[in-house]
Amino acid sequence: MTIDNLPLSGVYLPLVTPFFEGEVDYDSIERLLARYRGSGIAGLVLLGTTGESPVLSSDESERIVDFVSTVLQGSLLLYLGVSGNDTRSVAATVKRGNRLAVDGYLITAPYYNRPTQSGLIAHFDAVVSETDRNVIVYNIPYRTGVNIHNDSLFELVDRNPQIVGVKDSSGDIKQTLELLRESRDRLSVLAGEDHLFFTSVALGGAGGILAAAHIEPEAFVRVFDELRKGDVHAALAQWDQLSPWIPLLFGEPNPAPLKVWLADQGYVRSPECRLPLSAVSQRLVEELRRRLPREVDSLAGEGSRS
């Protein structure tokens, strides 16, 4: 199976949730959607960790999804982030989400409880059974405390046809390489570590879910397209322009540094996050402003730059 006929492929953007004076800022969401809908990305992930889902109420979350889907009118694929460490609660969230205009779910491994592999399989079986929409499994052990082994993931795929992809943030290059090799005819592997996007796609990955693609999304799409065409040299030349500044966005907890750039460009009114995330240090703010690319856009300047 090639990338072209995998269930999912391309660059997906885990959209930030803008806040202004403590409330969800829908005007800024609309500006972000205007920026990204024509950028070549394949879709958006709403209410992931980049979207600060843990600090949003269920009412806020549903209103955000309804707002985004109304604005976009099907012009981009929409995936809804769902996480939690109580299987019944996560399953209920997915079931409620079926009334929303989303194409599928990005479901994170349960955190803190550190279940066994059999517990992980039972958890996803129960959650995925609540929907017939596409599901992307999110494996990010350094946040959840538990690693979904490749064997467990493929067992889940065999049992649940809704599972069509994995966001791979395993942090283990050996596991990732084995996953890429074994998944080519079974599963879309989407890079979850932004700095490994080029490597993952070059080795057969289907794309990425990349917070860094808020900045110059067209360039990330070009990297993907050139690799898909087999022009590694062109892709690498583009990647060499992107890769030096990607680590800056994760120098302090995501999405706080990213929101500084978005506010500077006028895409959001404020860089604020909700606690427990706090303001970015002045040292990093200065480095972000010195090293990140600037955009000249008709939207820039409409937001707050003070």
C-alpha atoms as a PDB file:
ATOM      1  CA  MET A   1       0.000   0.000   0.000  1.00  0.00           C
ATOM      2  CA  THR A   2       1.357   3.442  -0.909  1.00  0.00           C
ATOM      3  CA  ILE A   3       0.877   6.719   0.929  1.00  0.00           C
ATOM      4  CA  ASP A   4      -1.664   7.731  -1.698  1.00  0.00           C
ATOM      5  CA  ASN A   5      -4.125   5.035  -0.677  1.00  0.00           C
ATOM      6  CA  LEU A   6      -3.515   4.919   3.049  1.00  0.00           C
ATOM      7  CA  PRO A   7      -6.563   5.832   5.154  1.00  0.00           C
ATOM      8  CA  LEU A   8      -4.902   9.053   6.315  1.00  0.00           C
ATOM      9  CA  SER A   9      -2.010  11.000   4.853  1.00  0.00           C
ATOM     10  CA  GLY A  10      -0.558  14.483   4.858  1.00  0.00           C
ATOM     11  CA  VAL A  11       0.010  17.241   7.392  1.00  0.00           C
ATOM     12  CA  TYR A  12      -2.551  17.622  10.179  1.00  0.00           C
ATOM     13  CA  LEU A  13      -2.604  20.664  12.437  1.00  0.00           C
ATOM     14  CA  PRO A  14      -3.446  20.284  16.154  1.00  0.00           C
ATOM     15  CA  LEU A  15      -5.121  23.667  16.494  1.00  0.00           C
ATOM     16  CA  VAL A  16      -4.417  25.883  19.500  1.00  0.00           C
ATOM     17  CA  THR A  17      -7.324  27.193  21.557  1.00  0.00           C
ATOM     18  CA  PRO A  18      -6.978  30.991  21.810  1.00  0.00           C
ATOM     19  CA  PHE A  19      -8.025  32.708  25.030  1.00  0.00           C
ATOM     20  CA  PHE A  20      -8.637  36.384  25.716  1.00  0.00           C
ATOM     21  CA  GLU A  21      -9.107  37.597  29.267  1.00  0.00           C
ATOM     22  CA  GLY A  22      -9.723  34.043  30.383  1.00  0.00           C
ATOM     23  CA  GLU A  23     -12.409  33.123  27.856  1.00  0.00           C
ATOM     24  CA  VAL A  24     -12.281  31.200  24.579  1.00  0.00           C
ATOM     25  CA  ASP A  25     -11.599  33.727  21.817  1.00  0.00           C
ATOM     26  CA  TYR A  26     -13.797  32.805  18.850  1.00  0.00           C
ATOM     27  CA  ASP A  27     -12.703  35.782  16.765  1.00  0.00           C
ATOM     28  CA  SER A  28      -9.153  34.490  16.927  1.00  0.00           C
ATOM     29  CA  ILE A  29     -10.285  30.959  16.092  1.00  0.00           C
ATOM     30  CA  GLU A  30     -11.920  32.361  12.968  1.00  0.00           C
ATOM     31  CA  ARG A  31      -8.696  34.139  11.983  1.00  0.00           C
ATOM     32  CA  LEU A  32      -6.751  30.904  12.457  1.00  0.00           C
ATOM     33  CA  LEU A  33      -9.210  28.997  10.290  1.00  0.00           C
ATOM     34  CA  ALA A  34      -8.954  31.631   7.566  1.00  0.00           C
ATOM     35  CA  ARG A  35      -5.171  31.229   7.643  1.00  0.00           C
ATOM     36  CA  TYR A  36      -5.013  27.445   7.537  1.00  0.00           C
ATOM     37  CA  ARG A  37      -7.955  26.310   5.431  1.00  0.00           C
ATOM     38  CA  GLY A  38      -6.155  27.057   2.156  1.00  0.00           C
ATOM     39  CA  SER A  39      -2.655  26.105   3.238  1.00  0.00           C
ATOM     40  CA  GLY A  40      -2.648  22.564   1.863  1.00  0.00           C
ATOM     41  CA  ILE A  41      -2.947  20.792   5.197  1.00  0.00           C
ATOM     42  CA  ALA A  42      -5.073  17.650   5.228  1.00  0.00           C
ATOM     43  CA  GLY A  43      -7.026  18.468   8.356  1.00  0.00           C
ATOM     44  CA  LEU A  44      -7.244  19.769  11.891  1.00  0.00           C
ATOM     45  CA  VAL A  45      -7.146  18.070  15.257  1.00  0.00           C
ATOM     46  CA  LEU A  46      -9.289  19.981  17.745  1.00  0.00           C
ATOM     47  CA  LEU A  47      -8.932  19.844  21.521  1.00  0.00           C
ATOM     48  CA  GLY A  48      -5.700  17.921  21.682  1.00  0.00           C
ATOM     49  CA  THR A  49      -2.983  18.776  24.179  1.00  0.00           C
ATOM     50  CA  THR A  50      -1.903  21.635  21.890  1.00  0.00           C
ATOM     51  CA  GLY A  51      -5.516  22.809  22.171  1.00  0.00           C
ATOM     52  CA  GLU A  52      -5.266  22.697  26.005  1.00  0.00           C
ATOM     53  CA  SER A  53      -8.161  20.275  26.271  1.00  0.00           C
ATOM     54  CA  PRO A  54      -7.598  19.490  29.983  1.00  0.00           C
ATOM     55  CA  VAL A  55      -8.571  23.059  30.936  1.00  0.00           C
ATOM     56  CA  LEU A  56     -11.721  23.244  28.807  1.00  0.00           C
ATOM     57  CA  SER A  57     -15.160  22.364  30.097  1.00  0.00           C
ATOM     58  CA  SER A  58     -17.291  19.930  28.105  1.00  0.00           C
ATOM     59  CA  ASP A  59     -19.593  22.802  27.109  1.00  0.00           C
ATOM     60  CA  GLU A  60     -16.655  24.877  25.863  1.00  0.00           C
ATOM     61  CA  SER A  61     -15.266  21.901  23.973  1.00  0.00           C
ATOM     62  CA  GLU A  62     -18.511  21.154  22.172  1.00  0.00           C
ATOM     63  CA  ARG A  63     -19.067  24.805  21.321  1.00  0.00           C
ATOM     64  CA  ILE A  64     -15.560  25.034  19.815  1.00  0.00           C
ATOM     65  CA  VAL A  65     -16.173  21.973  17.632  1.00  0.00           C
ATOM     66  CA  ASP A  66     -19.555  23.293  16.507  1.00  0.00           C
ATOM     67  CA  PHE A  67     -18.049  26.704  15.721  1.00  0.00           C
ATOM     68  CA  VAL A  68     -15.132  25.290  13.719  1.00  0.00           C
ATOM     69  CA  SER A  69     -17.277  22.852  11.753  1.00  0.00           C
ATOM     70  CA  THR A  70     -19.755  25.621  10.910  1.00  0.00           C
ATOM     71  CA  VAL A  71     -17.004  27.917   9.650  1.00  0.00           C
ATOM     72  CA  LEU A  72     -15.189  25.261   7.639  1.00  0.00           C
ATOM     73  CA  GLN A  73     -18.250  23.584   6.116  1.00  0.00           C
ATOM     74  CA  GLY A  74     -16.335  20.400   5.368  1.00  0.00           C
ATOM     75  CA  SER A  75     -13.332  22.072   3.718  1.00  0.00           C
ATOM     76  CA  LEU A  76     -10.903  20.276   6.061  1.00  0.00           C
ATOM     77  CA  LEU A  77     -11.037  16.946   7.842  1.00  0.00           C
ATOM     78  CA  LEU A  78     -11.730  17.401  11.551  1.00  0.00           C
ATOM     79  CA  TYR A  79     -10.519  15.061  14.270  1.00  0.00           C
ATOM     80  CA  LEU A  80     -11.481  15.466  17.906  1.00  0.00           C
ATOM     81  CA  GLY A  81      -8.910  14.865  20.629  1.00  0.00           C
ATOM     82  CA  VAL A  82     -10.127  12.699  23.508  1.00  0.00           C
ATOM     83  CA  SER A  83      -8.120  11.685  26.552  1.00  0.00           C
ATOM     84  CA  GLY A  84      -8.577  10.471  30.092  1.00  0.00           C
ATOM     85  CA  ASN A  85      -7.722   7.656  32.453  1.00  0.00           C
ATOM     86  CA  ASP A  86     -11.250   6.420  33.223  1.00  0.00           C
ATOM     87  CA  THR A  87     -12.357   4.097  30.430  1.00  0.00           C
ATOM     88  CA  ARG A  88     -16.065   4.634  31.014  1.00  0.00           C
ATOM     89  CA  SER A  89     -15.665   8.402  30.930  1.00  0.00           C
ATOM     90  CA  VAL A  90     -13.550   8.369  27.761  1.00  0.00           C
ATOM     91  CA  ALA A  91     -16.012   6.020  26.053  1.00  0.00           C
ATOM     92  CA  ALA A  92     -18.894   8.298  27.052  1.00  0.00           C
ATOM     93  CA  THR A  93     -17.052  11.313  25.611  1.00  0.00           C
ATOM     94  CA  VAL A  94     -16.600   9.524  22.294  1.00  0.00           C
ATOM     95  CA  LYS A  95     -20.252   8.496  22.283  1.00  0.00           C
ATOM     96  CA  ARG A  96     -21.342  12.110  22.902  1.00  0.00           C
ATOM     97  CA  GLY A  97     -18.969  13.249  20.190  1.00  0.00           C
ATOM     98  CA  ASN A  98     -20.856  11.264  17.597  1.00  0.00           C
ATOM     99  CA  ARG A  99     -23.399  14.083  17.419  1.00  0.00           C
ATOM    100  CA  LEU A 100     -20.637  16.523  16.418  1.00  0.00           C
ATOM    101  CA  ALA A 101     -19.525  17.180  12.849  1.00  0.00           C
ATOM    102  CA  VAL A 102     -16.155  15.459  13.142  1.00  0.00           C
ATOM    103  CA  ASP A 103     -14.596  12.860  10.872  1.00  0.00           C
ATOM    104  CA  GLY A 104     -12.973  10.930  13.675  1.00  0.00           C
ATOM    105  CA  TYR A 105     -11.063  10.933  16.941  1.00  0.00           C
ATOM    106  CA  LEU A 106      -7.506  11.163  18.193  1.00  0.00           C
ATOM    107  CA  ILE A 107      -7.593   9.050  21.359  1.00  0.00           C
ATOM    108  CA  THR A 108      -4.690   9.175  23.791  1.00  0.00           C
ATOM    109  CA  ALA A 109      -3.501   6.236  25.827  1.00  0.00           C
ATOM    110  CA  PRO A 110      -4.788   6.508  29.412  1.00  0.00           C
ATOM    111  CA  TYR A 111      -2.408   8.442  31.633  1.00  0.00           C
ATOM    112  CA  TYR A 112      -1.166   7.962  35.207  1.00  0.00           C
ATOM    113  CA  ASN A 113      -2.801   4.577  35.879  1.00  0.00           C
ATOM    114  CA  ARG A 114      -0.105   2.795  33.853  1.00  0.00           C
ATOM    115  CA  PRO A 115      -2.199  -0.206  32.771  1.00  0.00           C
ATOM    116  CA  THR A 116      -0.676  -3.386  31.375  1.00  0.00           C
ATOM    117  CA  GLN A 117      -0.779  -4.088  27.644  1.00  0.00           C
ATOM    118  CA  SER A 118      -3.926  -6.176  28.152  1.00  0.00           C
ATOM    119  CA  GLY A 119      -5.473  -3.232  30.016  1.00  0.00           C
ATOM    120  CA  LEU A 120      -4.578  -0.877  27.177  1.00  0.00           C
ATOM    121  CA  ILE A 121      -6.155  -3.201  24.635  1.00  0.00           C
ATOM    122  CA  ALA A 122      -9.326  -3.532  26.713  1.00  0.00           C
ATOM    123  CA  HIS A 123      -9.447   0.258  27.183  1.00  0.00           C
ATOM    124  CA  PHE A 124      -9.277   0.993  23.448  1.00  0.00           C
ATOM    125  CA  ASP A 125     -11.676  -1.840  22.630  1.00  0.00           C
ATOM    126  CA  ALA A 126     -14.260  -0.283  24.924  1.00  0.00           C
ATOM    127  CA  VAL A 127     -13.710   3.280  23.718  1.00  0.00           C
ATOM    128  CA  VAL A 128     -13.555   2.544  19.998  1.00  0.00           C
ATOM    129  CA  SER A 129     -16.710   0.430  20.172  1.00  0.00           C
ATOM    130  CA  GLU A 130     -18.682   3.643  20.783  1.00  0.00           C
ATOM    131  CA  THR A 131     -18.119   4.988  17.266  1.00  0.00           C
ATOM    132  CA  ASP A 132     -17.985   3.925  13.650  1.00  0.00           C
ATOM    133  CA  ARG A 133     -15.810   6.911  12.713  1.00  0.00           C
ATOM    134  CA  ASN A 134     -12.073   6.821  12.107  1.00  0.00           C
ATOM    135  CA  VAL A 135      -9.819   6.593  15.153  1.00  0.00           C
ATOM    136  CA  ILE A 136      -6.175   7.604  15.483  1.00  0.00           C
ATOM    137  CA  VAL A 137      -4.444   6.077  18.509  1.00  0.00           C
ATOM    138  CA  TYR A 138      -2.052   8.496  20.250  1.00  0.00           C
ATOM    139  CA  ASN A 139       0.993   6.884  21.843  1.00  0.00           C
ATOM    140  CA  ILE A 140       2.987   9.382  23.919  1.00  0.00           C
ATOM    141  CA  PRO A 141       4.601   7.546  26.865  1.00  0.00           C
ATOM    142  CA  TYR A 142       6.517  10.514  28.267  1.00  0.00           C
ATOM    143  CA  ARG A 143       3.202  12.228  29.022  1.00  0.00           C
ATOM    144  CA  THR A 144       0.996   9.246  29.860  1.00  0.00           C
ATOM    145  CA  GLY A 145       3.481   7.010  31.650  1.00  0.00           C
ATOM    146  CA  VAL A 146       2.577   3.984  29.508  1.00  0.00           C
ATOM    147  CA  ASN A 147       3.820   2.796  26.117  1.00  0.00           C
ATOM    148  CA  ILE A 148       1.555   1.012  23.635  1.00  0.00           C
ATOM    149  CA  HIS A 149       3.715  -1.754  22.206  1.00  0.00           C
ATOM    150  CA  ASN A 150       3.557  -2.321  18.467  1.00  0.00           C
ATOM    151  CA  ASP A 151       2.132  -5.811  18.949  1.00  0.00           C
ATOM    152  CA  SER A 152      -0.676  -4.377  21.066  1.00  0.00           C
ATOM    153  CA  LEU A 153      -1.375  -1.665  18.502  1.00  0.00           C
ATOM    154  CA  PHE A 154      -1.674  -4.157  15.653  1.00  0.00           C
ATOM    155  CA  GLU A 155      -3.884  -6.392  17.752  1.00  0.00           C
ATOM    156  CA  LEU A 156      -6.171  -3.397  18.228  1.00  0.00           C
ATOM    157  CA  VAL A 157      -6.120  -2.704  14.486  1.00  0.00           C
ATOM    158  CA  ASP A 158      -7.079  -6.299  13.728  1.00  0.00           C
ATOM    159  CA  ARG A 159      -9.959  -6.146  16.216  1.00  0.00           C
ATOM    160  CA  ASN A 160     -11.224  -2.651  15.394  1.00  0.00           C
ATOM    161  CA  PRO A 161     -11.454  -1.582  11.737  1.00  0.00           C
ATOM    162  CA  GLN A 162     -12.201   1.977  12.889  1.00  0.00           C
ATOM    163  CA  ILE A 163      -8.539   2.331  13.954  1.00  0.00           C
ATOM    164  CA  VAL A 164      -6.870   3.692  10.830  1.00  0.00           C
ATOM    165  CA  GLY A 165      -3.871   5.566  12.204  1.00  0.00           C
ATOM    166  CA  VAL A 166      -1.442   6.151  15.029  1.00  0.00           C
ATOM    167  CA  LYS A 167       0.159   9.375  16.164  1.00  0.00           C
ATOM    168  CA  ASP A 168       3.607   8.114  17.026  1.00  0.00           C
ATOM    169  CA  SER A 169       5.383   9.917  19.857  1.00  0.00           C
ATOM    170  CA  SER A 170       6.895   6.803  21.385  1.00  0.00           C
ATOM    171  CA  GLY A 171      10.291   8.424  21.881  1.00  0.00           C
ATOM    172  CA  ASP A 172      11.925   5.103  20.969  1.00  0.00           C
ATOM    173  CA  ILE A 173      13.544   5.157  17.536  1.00  0.00           C
ATOM    174  CA  LYS A 174      13.749   1.359  17.404  1.00  0.00           C
ATOM    175  CA  GLN A 175      10.016   1.059  18.099  1.00  0.00           C
ATOM    176  CA  THR A 176       9.254   3.741  15.513  1.00  0.00           C
ATOM    177  CA  LEU A 177      11.363   2.085  12.822  1.00  0.00           C
ATOM    178  CA  GLU A 178       9.688  -1.260  13.457  1.00  0.00           C
ATOM    179  CA  LEU A 179       6.283   0.417  13.421  1.00  0.00           C
ATOM    180  CA  LEU A 180       6.972   2.086  10.075  1.00  0.00           C
ATOM    181  CA  ARG A 181       8.213  -1.167   8.571  1.00  0.00           C
ATOM    182  CA  GLU A 182       5.318  -3.294   9.806  1.00  0.00           C
ATOM    183  CA  SER A 183       2.482  -0.836   9.189  1.00  0.00           C
ATOM    184  CA  ARG A 184       2.810  -0.109   5.496  1.00  0.00           C
ATOM    185  CA  ASP A 185      -0.193  -2.154   4.456  1.00  0.00           C
ATOM    186  CA  ARG A 186      -2.142  -1.877   7.688  1.00  0.00           C
ATOM    187  CA  LEU A 187      -2.030   1.547   9.329  1.00  0.00           C
ATOM    188  CA  SER A 188      -1.240   5.224   8.732  1.00  0.00           C
ATOM    189  CA  VAL A 189       1.716   6.225  10.897  1.00  0.00           C
ATOM    190  CA  LEU A 190       1.639   9.968  11.592  1.00  0.00           C
ATOM    191  CA  ALA A 191       4.674  11.558  13.194  1.00  0.00           C
ATOM    192  CA  GLY A 192       3.884  13.150  16.535  1.00  0.00           C
ATOM    193  CA  GLU A 193       7.382  14.434  17.219  1.00  0.00           C
ATOM    194  CA  ASP A 194       7.703  17.482  14.991  1.00  0.00           C
ATOM    195  CA  HIS A 195      11.479  17.242  14.630  1.00  0.00           C
ATOM    196  CA  LEU A 196      11.156  13.657  13.304  1.00  0.00           C
ATOM    197  CA  PHE A 197       8.589  14.492  10.606  1.00  0.00           C
ATOM    198  CA  PHE A 198      11.055  14.353   7.698  1.00  0.00           C
ATOM    199  CA  THR A 199      12.616  11.090   8.881  1.00  0.00           C
ATOM    200  CA  SER A 200       9.264   9.426   9.478  1.00  0.00           C
ATOM    201  CA  VAL A 201       7.833  10.301   6.056  1.00  0.00           C
ATOM    202  CA  ALA A 202      11.103   9.446   4.276  1.00  0.00           C
ATOM    203  CA  LEU A 203      10.911   5.966   5.818  1.00  0.00           C
ATOM    204  CA  GLY A 204       7.324   5.379   4.750  1.00  0.00           C
ATOM    205  CA  GLY A 205       5.255   7.304   7.269  1.00  0.00           C
ATOM    206  CA  ALA A 206       1.932   8.745   6.153  1.00  0.00           C
ATOM    207  CA  GLY A 207       2.464  12.304   7.422  1.00  0.00           C
ATOM    208  CA  GLY A 208       2.341  14.060  10.761  1.00  0.00           C
ATOM    209  CA  ILE A 209       0.233  15.828  13.361  1.00  0.00           C
ATOM    210  CA  LEU A 210       2.473  18.818  13.920  1.00  0.00           C
ATOM    211  CA  ALA A 211       2.068  21.809  16.223  1.00  0.00           C
ATOM    212  CA  ALA A 212       4.999  23.482  14.444  1.00  0.00           C
ATOM    213  CA  ALA A 213       2.969  23.536  11.223  1.00  0.00           C
ATOM    214  CA  HIS A 214       1.070  26.531  12.618  1.00  0.00           C
ATOM    215  CA  ILE A 215       4.158  28.330  11.304  1.00  0.00           C
ATOM    216  CA  GLU A 216       4.654  28.128   7.535  1.00  0.00           C
ATOM    217  CA  PRO A 217       2.238  25.203   7.016  1.00  0.00           C
ATOM    218  CA  GLU A 218       2.790  25.384   3.258  1.00  0.00           C
ATOM    219  CA  ALA A 219       6.466  24.545   3.812  1.00  0.00           C
ATOM    220  CA  PHE A 220       5.614  21.434   5.825  1.00  0.00           C
ATOM    221  CA  VAL A 221       3.200  20.407   3.087  1.00  0.00           C
ATOM    222  CA  ARG A 222       5.941  20.902   0.478  1.00  0.00           C
ATOM    223  CA  VAL A 223       8.277  18.621   2.443  1.00  0.00           C
ATOM    224  CA  PHE A 224       5.572  15.962   2.480  1.00  0.00           C
ATOM    225  CA  ASP A 225       4.728  16.372  -1.207  1.00  0.00           C
ATOM    226  CA  GLU A 226       8.363  16.247  -2.347  1.00  0.00           C
ATOM    227  CA  LEU A 227       9.015  13.106  -0.321  1.00  0.00           C
ATOM    228  CA  ARG A 228       5.860  11.510  -1.702  1.00  0.00           C
ATOM    229  CA  LYS A 229       7.123  12.243  -5.221  1.00  0.00           C
ATOM    230  CA  GLY A 230      10.511  10.752  -4.351  1.00  0.00           C
ATOM    231  CA  ASP A 231      12.463  14.019  -4.608  1.00  0.00           C
ATOM    232  CA  VAL A 232      14.440  13.652  -1.398  1.00  0.00           C
ATOM    233  CA  HIS A 233      16.895  16.423  -2.266  1.00  0.00           C
ATOM    234  CA  ALA A 234      14.156  19.033  -2.724  1.00  0.00           C
ATOM    235  CA  ALA A 235      12.429  17.861   0.438  1.00  0.00           C
ATOM    236  CA  LEU A 236      15.650  18.024   2.420  1.00  0.00           C
ATOM    237  CA  ALA A 237      16.441  21.524   1.163  1.00  0.00           C
ATOM    238  CA  GLN A 238      13.017  22.662   2.413  1.00  0.00           C
ATOM    239  CA  TRP A 239      13.384  20.756   5.679  1.00  0.00           C
ATOM    240  CA  ASP A 240      16.756  22.383   6.343  1.00  0.00           C
ATOM    241  CA  GLN A 241      14.926  25.723   6.453  1.00  0.00           C
ATOM    242  CA  LEU A 242      12.372  24.451   8.990  1.00  0.00           C
ATOM    243  CA  SER A 243      14.223  22.126  11.300  1.00  0.00           C
ATOM    244  CA  PRO A 244      16.543  24.635  13.073  1.00  0.00           C
ATOM    245  CA  TRP A 245      13.702  26.564  14.740  1.00  0.00           C
ATOM    246  CA  ILE A 246      11.289  23.722  15.559  1.00  0.00           C
ATOM    247  CA  PRO A 247      12.913  22.945  18.973  1.00  0.00           C
ATOM    248  CA  LEU A 248      12.281  26.541  20.084  1.00  0.00           C
ATOM    249  CA  LEU A 249       8.533  25.879  20.112  1.00  0.00           C
ATOM    250  CA  PHE A 250       9.070  23.201  22.734  1.00  0.00           C
ATOM    251  CA  GLY A 251      11.652  25.043  24.833  1.00  0.00           C
ATOM    252  CA  GLU A 252       8.850  25.563  27.366  1.00  0.00           C
ATOM    253  CA  PRO A 253       5.550  23.662  27.589  1.00  0.00           C
ATOM    254  CA  ASN A 254       3.544  23.579  24.357  1.00  0.00           C
ATOM    255  CA  PRO A 255       1.546  25.564  23.231  1.00  0.00           C
ATOM    256  CA  ALA A 256       2.771  28.595  25.192  1.00  0.00           C
ATOM    257  CA  PRO A 257       5.748  29.446  22.907  1.00  0.00           C
ATOM    258  CA  LEU A 258       3.631  28.895  19.802  1.00  0.00           C
ATOM    259  CA  LYS A 259       0.986  31.287  21.085  1.00  0.00           C
ATOM    260  CA  VAL A 260       3.641  34.011  21.434  1.00  0.00           C
ATOM    261  CA  TRP A 261       4.361  33.745  17.708  1.00  0.00           C
ATOM    262  CA  LEU A 262       0.667  33.611  16.780  1.00  0.00           C
ATOM    263  CA  ALA A 263      -0.023  36.733  18.830  1.00  0.00           C
ATOM    264  CA  ASP A 264       2.955  38.556  17.337  1.00  0.00           C
ATOM    265  CA  GLN A 265       1.666  37.761  13.851  1.00  0.00           C
ATOM    266  CA  GLY A 266      -1.846  38.957  14.685  1.00  0.00           C
ATOM    267  CA  TYR A 267      -3.560  35.588  14.353  1.00  0.00           C
ATOM    268  CA  VAL A 268      -4.639  35.553  18.001  1.00  0.00           C
ATOM    269  CA  ARG A 269      -5.336  38.532  20.238  1.00  0.00           C
ATOM    270  CA  SER A 270      -3.389  37.209  23.191  1.00  0.00           C
ATOM    271  CA  PRO A 271      -0.708  34.584  23.863  1.00  0.00           C
ATOM    272  CA  GLU A 272      -2.400  33.584  27.104  1.00  0.00           C
ATOM    273  CA  CYS A 273      -2.851  30.002  28.224  1.00  0.00           C
ATOM    274  CA  ARG A 274      -4.948  28.737  31.097  1.00  0.00           C
ATOM    275  CA  LEU A 275      -3.309  27.593  34.293  1.00  0.00           C
ATOM    276  CA  PRO A 276      -1.390  25.505  35.080  1.00  0.00           C
ATOM    277  CA  LEU A 277       0.408  26.682  31.920  1.00  0.00           C
ATOM    278  CA  SER A 278       1.955  30.078  32.515  1.00  0.00           C
ATOM    279  CA  ALA A 279       3.523  32.843  30.450  1.00  0.00           C
ATOM    280  CA  VAL A 280       6.668  32.122  28.495  1.00  0.00           C
ATOM    281  CA  SER A 281       9.915  33.407  30.018  1.00  0.00           C
ATOM    282  CA  GLN A 282      11.197  36.669  28.613  1.00  0.00           C
ATOM    283  CA  ARG A 283      14.407  34.958  27.522  1.00  0.00           C
ATOM    284  CA  LEU A 284      12.493  32.526  25.318  1.00  0.00           C
ATOM    285  CA  VAL A 285      10.167  35.260  24.035  1.00  0.00           C
ATOM    286  CA  GLU A 286      13.191  37.189  22.793  1.00  0.00           C
ATOM    287  CA  GLU A 287      14.672  34.093  21.186  1.00  0.00           C
ATOM    288  CA  LEU A 288      11.377  33.231  19.499  1.00  0.00           C
ATOM    289  CA  ARG A 289      11.105  36.743  18.080  1.00  0.00           C
ATOM    290  CA  ARG A 290      14.689  36.651  16.875  1.00  0.00           C
ATOM    291  CA  ARG A 291      14.705  33.227  15.248  1.00  0.00           C
ATOM    292  CA  LEU A 292      11.193  32.285  14.133  1.00  0.00           C
ATOM    293  CA  PRO A 293      10.083  33.256  10.616  1.00  0.00           C
ATOM    294  CA  ARG A 294       7.778  36.219  10.215  1.00  0.00           C
ATOM    295  CA  GLU A 295       4.704  36.255   8.032  1.00  0.00           C
ATOM    296  CA  VAL A 296       3.420  39.107   5.932  1.00  0.00           C
ATOM    297  CA  ASP A 297      -0.301  38.486   5.557  1.00  0.00           C
ATOM    298  CA  SER A 298      -3.462  40.516   5.230  1.00  0.00           C
ATOM    299  CA  LEU A 299      -4.589  39.101   8.546  1.00  0.00           C
ATOM    300  CA  ALA A 300      -1.450  40.151  10.356  1.00  0.00           C
ATOM    301  CA  GLY A 301      -1.889  43.452  12.056  1.00  0.00           C
ATOM    302  CA  GLU A 302      -5.566  42.868  12.794  1.00  0.00           C
ATOM    303  CA  GLY A 303      -4.656  41.258  16.094  1.00  0.00           C
ATOM    304  CA  SER A 304      -2.881  42.695  19.061  1.00  0.00           C
ATOM    305  CA  ARG A 305       0.836  43.305  18.591  1.00  0.00           C
ATOM    306  CA  SER A 306       1.380  45.446  21.645  1.00  0.00           C
END
